[in-house]
Amino acid sequence: MRVMKLPYGERANLGTKLEDYSLNPLHRDSRNKARVFDAVLGLTLANNAEVLRDALLNAATYSDSAEPRGDNGFGDVYIYQSGKGLPTYDSSFSSAFACFKSTVSNPYGSSRKDHGSGRELL
């Protein structure tokens, strides 16, 4: 198993994924994930979403244990497993980070690929 630092990890952007999906007990597809986060880690949308957000962003920025899993058609996927950054929790978690590919036009008319961020470059 090859592990590495997450490319462009300092540019990680979770958006509203935790609130709208991962920790949302009312979401049709992820309500079971929300139950597991609550039962195993005590993390809920109402009380500890920022703890999880901070742990994930810290892992994306500083960890050197991201495992590349290939391209899923949208970008390169990396798996990170840790419990670091979750104070008072004994359990570990796995998270997938995708470095999205986006085609961006520059002011001079050509376009380029930005591998490693879901954001447009200006």
Protein backbone atom coordinates (compact mmCIF):
# COMPACT_ATOMS: atom_id res chain seq x y z
CA MET A 1 0.00 0.00 0.00
CA ARG A 2 1.46 3.31 -1.09
CA VAL A 3 0.64 6.34 1.04
CA MET A 4 1.38 9.97 0.38
CA LYS A 5 0.42 13.54 1.15
CA LEU A 6 -2.91 14.54 -0.38
CA PRO A 7 -2.20 16.66 -3.47
CA TYR A 8 -3.42 20.22 -2.97
CA GLY A 9 -4.74 19.23 0.46
CA GLU A 10 -4.45 22.79 1.70
CA ARG A 11 -7.13 23.70 -0.86
CA ALA A 12 -9.64 21.12 0.40
CA ASN A 13 -13.21 22.36 0.40
CA LEU A 14 -15.94 20.34 2.08
CA GLY A 15 -18.68 22.77 1.14
CA THR A 16 -21.90 21.72 2.85
CA LYS A 17 -21.26 17.97 2.45
CA LEU A 18 -21.28 17.32 6.22
CA GLU A 19 -24.44 19.31 6.88
CA ASP A 20 -26.38 18.28 3.79
CA TYR A 21 -25.24 14.66 3.52
CA SER A 22 -22.88 12.92 5.95
CA LEU A 23 -24.39 14.10 9.26
CA ASN A 24 -27.94 14.66 8.03
CA PRO A 25 -30.27 12.08 9.66
CA LEU A 26 -33.06 13.12 7.28
CA HIS A 27 -31.14 12.57 4.04
CA ARG A 28 -32.54 9.59 2.14
CA ASP A 29 -29.17 8.19 1.06
CA SER A 30 -26.97 9.05 4.04
CA ARG A 31 -29.20 8.80 7.10
CA ASN A 32 -27.46 5.56 8.08
CA LYS A 33 -24.07 7.30 7.94
CA ALA A 34 -25.43 9.97 10.26
CA ARG A 35 -26.59 7.28 12.69
CA VAL A 36 -23.14 5.67 12.69
CA PHE A 37 -21.38 9.00 13.28
CA ASP A 38 -23.69 9.56 16.24
CA ALA A 39 -23.54 6.04 17.70
CA VAL A 40 -19.80 5.43 17.28
CA LEU A 41 -18.26 8.89 17.50
CA GLY A 42 -20.97 10.97 19.16
CA LEU A 43 -20.88 13.37 16.22
CA THR A 44 -24.18 14.89 15.16
CA LEU A 45 -25.22 17.74 12.96
CA ALA A 46 -26.48 19.63 16.00
CA ASN A 47 -23.52 19.28 18.33
CA ASN A 48 -20.17 18.46 16.75
CA ALA A 49 -20.14 19.05 13.00
CA GLU A 50 -17.25 21.51 13.33
CA VAL A 51 -15.11 18.93 15.17
CA LEU A 52 -15.42 16.57 12.21
CA ARG A 53 -14.93 19.38 9.67
CA ASP A 54 -11.74 20.52 11.43
CA ALA A 55 -10.39 16.95 11.64
CA LEU A 56 -11.02 16.32 7.93
CA LEU A 57 -9.51 19.63 6.81
CA ASN A 58 -6.52 19.11 9.08
CA ALA A 59 -6.02 15.63 7.63
CA ALA A 60 -6.29 16.96 4.08
CA THR A 61 -3.72 19.65 4.77
CA TYR A 62 -1.14 17.94 6.97
CA SER A 63 -1.43 14.16 6.79
CA ASP A 64 0.98 12.11 4.75
CA SER A 65 -1.12 8.94 4.89
CA ALA A 66 -3.49 9.39 1.94
CA GLU A 67 -3.82 6.20 -0.09
CA PRO A 68 -4.42 6.76 -3.82
CA ARG A 69 -7.31 4.72 -5.22
CA GLY A 70 -7.35 5.84 -8.85
CA ASP A 71 -9.62 7.99 -10.96
CA ASN A 72 -13.39 7.70 -10.53
CA GLY A 73 -14.18 9.63 -13.70
CA PHE A 74 -14.50 12.94 -11.85
CA GLY A 75 -10.98 13.01 -10.45
CA ASP A 76 -8.36 11.17 -8.45
CA VAL A 77 -9.63 9.57 -5.23
CA TYR A 78 -7.61 9.19 -2.03
CA ILE A 79 -8.58 7.33 1.14
CA TYR A 80 -7.46 8.62 4.52
CA GLN A 81 -7.92 6.67 7.74
CA SER A 82 -7.42 8.23 11.15
CA GLY A 83 -8.98 9.34 14.38
CA LYS A 84 -6.59 12.22 14.84
CA GLY A 85 -8.28 15.49 15.50
CA LEU A 86 -11.27 13.91 17.18
CA PRO A 87 -10.68 14.68 20.86
CA THR A 88 -12.06 12.18 23.36
CA TYR A 89 -12.97 9.71 20.62
CA ASP A 90 -11.33 6.28 20.50
CA SER A 91 -12.66 5.29 17.09
CA SER A 92 -11.03 5.96 13.78
CA PHE A 93 -12.71 7.06 10.60
CA SER A 94 -12.13 6.66 6.89
CA SER A 95 -12.67 9.48 4.51
CA ALA A 96 -12.41 9.75 0.76
CA PHE A 97 -11.04 12.88 -0.83
CA ALA A 98 -11.54 13.49 -4.53
CA CYS A 99 -9.27 15.87 -6.38
CA PHE A 100 -11.69 17.00 -9.05
CA LYS A 101 -10.62 17.79 -12.57
CA SER A 102 -11.94 21.03 -13.98
CA THR A 103 -11.28 22.64 -17.29
CA VAL A 104 -10.68 26.33 -16.88
CA SER A 105 -10.39 29.01 -19.52
CA ASN A 106 -7.80 31.67 -18.98
CA PRO A 107 -8.11 35.27 -20.22
CA TYR A 108 -5.91 34.45 -23.22
CA GLY A 109 -8.35 31.95 -24.70
CA SER A 110 -6.68 28.61 -24.04
CA SER A 111 -7.88 26.17 -21.43
CA ARG A 112 -6.01 24.03 -18.95
CA LYS A 113 -6.74 21.26 -16.50
CA ASP A 114 -6.49 21.96 -12.80
CA HIS A 115 -5.88 18.60 -11.15
CA GLY A 116 -6.39 18.95 -7.45
CA SER A 117 -9.17 21.38 -6.80
CA GLY A 118 -12.84 21.67 -7.45
CA ARG A 119 -12.48 25.40 -7.79
CA GLU A 120 -12.12 27.39 -10.94
CA LEU A 121 -8.86 29.23 -11.43
CA LEU A 122 -9.00 32.77 -12.70
